[in-house]
């Protein structure tokens, strides 16, 4: 559970600052713009949508 909280916090802080999340293999300018929790996705804990349309 700690990892999920840390990952969500990392993505949220970078998104609020309009910065690319460090440690991810994304092109420059791909900022996190939306976080969803407990989704219907197979990994259902956290889904992040980036400004270039990618999801993880």
N, C-alpha and C. Protein backbone atom coordinates (compact mmCIF):
# COMPACT_ATOMS: atom_id res chain seq x y z
N UNK A 1 0.82 -1.19 0.00
CA UNK A 1 0.00 0.00 0.00
C UNK A 1 0.87 1.26 0.00
N UNK A 2 2.00 1.21 0.71
CA UNK A 2 2.87 2.37 0.75
C UNK A 2 3.31 2.78 -0.65
N UNK A 3 3.66 1.79 -1.49
CA UNK A 3 4.12 2.10 -2.84
C UNK A 3 3.04 2.82 -3.64
N UNK A 4 1.79 2.37 -3.53
CA UNK A 4 0.70 3.02 -4.26
C UNK A 4 0.53 4.47 -3.82
N UNK A 5 0.62 4.72 -2.53
CA UNK A 5 0.50 6.09 -2.02
C UNK A 5 1.65 6.96 -2.53
N UNK A 6 2.85 6.41 -2.49
CA UNK A 6 4.03 7.15 -2.94
C UNK A 6 3.94 7.43 -4.44
N UNK A 7 3.52 6.44 -5.22
CA UNK A 7 3.41 6.62 -6.67
C UNK A 7 2.35 7.67 -6.99
N UNK A 8 1.21 7.61 -6.34
CA UNK A 8 0.14 8.58 -6.58
C UNK A 8 0.59 9.98 -6.19
N UNK A 9 1.28 10.10 -5.08
CA UNK A 9 1.77 11.41 -4.63
C UNK A 9 2.79 11.96 -5.62
N UNK A 10 3.69 11.13 -6.07
CA UNK A 10 4.72 11.53 -7.04
C UNK A 10 4.06 12.06 -8.31
N UNK A 11 3.11 11.32 -8.84
CA UNK A 11 2.43 11.74 -10.07
C UNK A 11 1.60 13.01 -9.86
N UNK A 12 0.92 13.09 -8.73
CA UNK A 12 0.07 14.26 -8.46
C UNK A 12 0.90 15.53 -8.31
N UNK A 13 1.99 15.45 -7.57
CA UNK A 13 2.83 16.64 -7.36
C UNK A 13 3.43 17.10 -8.68
N UNK A 14 3.93 16.17 -9.48
CA UNK A 14 4.49 16.57 -10.77
C UNK A 14 3.41 17.14 -11.68
N UNK A 15 2.22 16.57 -11.65
CA UNK A 15 1.13 17.10 -12.47
C UNK A 15 0.72 18.50 -12.04
N UNK A 16 0.64 18.74 -10.74
CA UNK A 16 0.28 20.06 -10.24
C UNK A 16 1.33 21.11 -10.61
N UNK A 17 2.57 20.67 -10.71
CA UNK A 17 3.66 21.58 -11.08
C UNK A 17 3.85 21.66 -12.60
N UNK A 18 3.02 20.95 -13.36
CA UNK A 18 3.15 20.87 -14.82
C UNK A 18 4.55 20.44 -15.22
N UNK A 19 5.02 19.41 -14.56
CA UNK A 19 6.34 18.84 -14.84
C UNK A 19 6.19 17.38 -15.21
N UNK A 20 7.06 16.90 -16.06
CA UNK A 20 7.07 15.47 -16.38
C UNK A 20 7.52 14.69 -15.15
N UNK A 21 6.88 13.57 -14.91
CA UNK A 21 7.24 12.73 -13.76
C UNK A 21 8.59 12.07 -14.01
N UNK A 22 9.48 12.23 -13.08
CA UNK A 22 10.81 11.63 -13.22
C UNK A 22 10.71 10.12 -13.07
N UNK A 23 11.63 9.43 -13.70
CA UNK A 23 11.68 7.98 -13.59
C UNK A 23 10.81 7.24 -14.58
N UNK A 24 10.11 7.95 -15.43
CA UNK A 24 9.27 7.31 -16.44
C UNK A 24 9.85 7.59 -17.82
N UNK A 25 9.74 6.64 -18.70
CA UNK A 25 10.26 6.78 -20.05
C UNK A 25 9.21 7.46 -20.93
N UNK A 26 9.08 8.78 -20.76
CA UNK A 26 8.09 9.55 -21.50
C UNK A 26 8.78 10.70 -22.22
N UNK A 27 8.22 11.14 -23.34
CA UNK A 27 8.81 12.29 -24.02
C UNK A 27 8.65 13.56 -23.18
N UNK A 28 9.52 14.53 -23.43
CA UNK A 28 9.41 15.81 -22.73
C UNK A 28 8.04 16.42 -22.97
N UNK A 29 7.48 17.00 -21.93
CA UNK A 29 6.19 17.65 -22.04
C UNK A 29 5.00 16.75 -21.81
N UNK A 30 5.22 15.47 -21.56
CA UNK A 30 4.11 14.56 -21.27
C UNK A 30 3.83 14.61 -19.77
N UNK A 31 3.02 15.56 -19.36
CA UNK A 31 2.70 15.77 -17.95
C UNK A 31 1.47 14.97 -17.56
N UNK A 32 1.42 14.54 -16.30
CA UNK A 32 0.22 13.85 -15.82
C UNK A 32 -0.88 14.89 -15.65
N UNK A 33 -2.04 14.60 -16.25
CA UNK A 33 -3.15 15.55 -16.19
C UNK A 33 -4.38 14.97 -15.50
N UNK A 34 -4.35 13.65 -15.27
CA UNK A 34 -5.50 13.04 -14.59
C UNK A 34 -5.05 11.78 -13.87
N UNK A 35 -5.53 11.62 -12.64
CA UNK A 35 -5.29 10.41 -11.86
C UNK A 35 -6.64 9.80 -11.52
N UNK A 36 -6.76 8.50 -11.75
CA UNK A 36 -7.97 7.76 -11.37
C UNK A 36 -7.56 6.62 -10.45
N UNK A 37 -8.38 6.35 -9.48
CA UNK A 37 -8.10 5.30 -8.50
C UNK A 37 -9.21 4.26 -8.51
N UNK A 38 -8.84 3.01 -8.21
CA UNK A 38 -9.79 1.89 -8.16
C UNK A 38 -10.62 1.83 -9.44
N UNK A 39 -9.94 1.74 -10.57
CA UNK A 39 -10.59 1.70 -11.87
C UNK A 39 -10.99 0.26 -12.22
N UNK A 40 -11.61 0.09 -13.36
CA UNK A 40 -11.95 -1.24 -13.86
C UNK A 40 -10.83 -1.85 -14.68
N UNK A 41 -9.71 -1.13 -14.80
CA UNK A 41 -8.55 -1.66 -15.52
C UNK A 41 -8.01 -2.89 -14.81
N UNK A 42 -7.27 -3.75 -15.53
CA UNK A 42 -6.72 -4.96 -14.90
C UNK A 42 -5.82 -4.66 -13.70
N UNK A 43 -5.18 -3.50 -13.70
CA UNK A 43 -4.30 -3.14 -12.57
C UNK A 43 -5.00 -2.24 -11.57
N UNK A 44 -6.22 -2.12 -11.58
CA UNK A 44 -7.23 -1.29 -10.92
C UNK A 44 -6.83 -0.34 -9.81
N UNK A 45 -5.59 -0.19 -9.46
CA UNK A 45 -5.26 0.70 -8.35
C UNK A 45 -5.11 2.16 -8.76
N UNK A 46 -4.25 2.42 -9.72
CA UNK A 46 -4.00 3.79 -10.17
C UNK A 46 -3.90 3.81 -11.69
N UNK A 47 -4.58 4.77 -12.28
CA UNK A 47 -4.41 5.02 -13.72
C UNK A 47 -4.07 6.49 -13.88
N UNK A 48 -3.02 6.77 -14.62
CA UNK A 48 -2.62 8.15 -14.89
C UNK A 48 -2.78 8.41 -16.38
N UNK A 49 -3.33 9.57 -16.71
CA UNK A 49 -3.45 10.00 -18.09
C UNK A 49 -2.50 11.17 -18.28
N UNK A 50 -1.70 11.10 -19.35
CA UNK A 50 -0.72 12.13 -19.62
C UNK A 50 -1.24 13.08 -20.69
N UNK A 51 -0.62 14.25 -20.76
CA UNK A 51 -1.06 15.31 -21.67
C UNK A 51 -0.98 14.90 -23.14
N UNK A 52 -0.16 13.91 -23.46
CA UNK A 52 -0.08 13.45 -24.85
C UNK A 52 -1.06 12.32 -25.16
N UNK A 53 -1.95 11.99 -24.20
CA UNK A 53 -2.98 10.98 -24.40
C UNK A 53 -2.60 9.58 -23.91
N UNK A 54 -1.36 9.38 -23.55
CA UNK A 54 -0.95 8.06 -23.03
C UNK A 54 -1.57 7.81 -21.67
N UNK A 55 -1.76 6.53 -21.41
CA UNK A 55 -2.26 6.12 -20.09
C UNK A 55 -1.33 5.06 -19.52
N UNK A 56 -1.22 5.05 -18.23
CA UNK A 56 -0.41 4.03 -17.56
C UNK A 56 -1.11 3.61 -16.29
